[in-house]
Amino acid sequence: MSNAASGASTPRTGSTPPPTDGPNPLALGSRFVAQYYNTLSNQPDQLIRFYQPASYLSQGMGSQATIPVQCNKETVNELKERFYIAKEGVESGKALPDGPIRIELEQGAIDAQPAMNGGILLVVTGSIVYPDIAGGAEKASLRRRKAFVHTFILGSIAGKRNYYVQNDVLRFLHGESLE
């Protein structure tokens, strides 16, 4: 039985979509990701510069439901805190030392597609690595790692080659590891 007869495939129109005249989404997305996560690691208070008042963001853990919120003065702190909030220690109530976080994308990926109105859809997978913590006599130090999926829709500012984060969905995957 063919896929067409079983209804398992999407009907094709036979036409190929025209090539986009805009920038390469993956090249632009890769530059954005490098700049965004560098800012997050080194100047987290500056993350707001990537957003507009019409931006939406949400975050969740595992399969937890999320509620999007619009970016405004009250939600500005959520931009950085959602990465740093997970800095609770290995034992309940024990805080990790302050220090920069590191984003690792070596075991992850950046996927990019053109979106409506000249925007770009980005899906980033990676891990956040938190500063070393003391591990006791048997372990000199432990590094806490948390896997995530971060989805962005970059909106295009009309008439310019500038982009802003229109939509931002951060999802931490279940569990974390110590190394």
Foldseek 3Di string as FASTA:
>chain_A
DDCVVVVNDDDDPPDDDDDDPDDDFVVVQVVVVVVQQVCLQPPVLPNCVQADQLAWEWEEEAPDDIDIDGDDPVCSVVSNCVVVVPQADPDGPRGDDDHGKHWDQPVKDWDWDQDPPRKIKIKIKTKIWDDWDDDPDVDRTKIKIWIKIKIFIWHADPPDRDTHTRYIYIYIYPDIDID
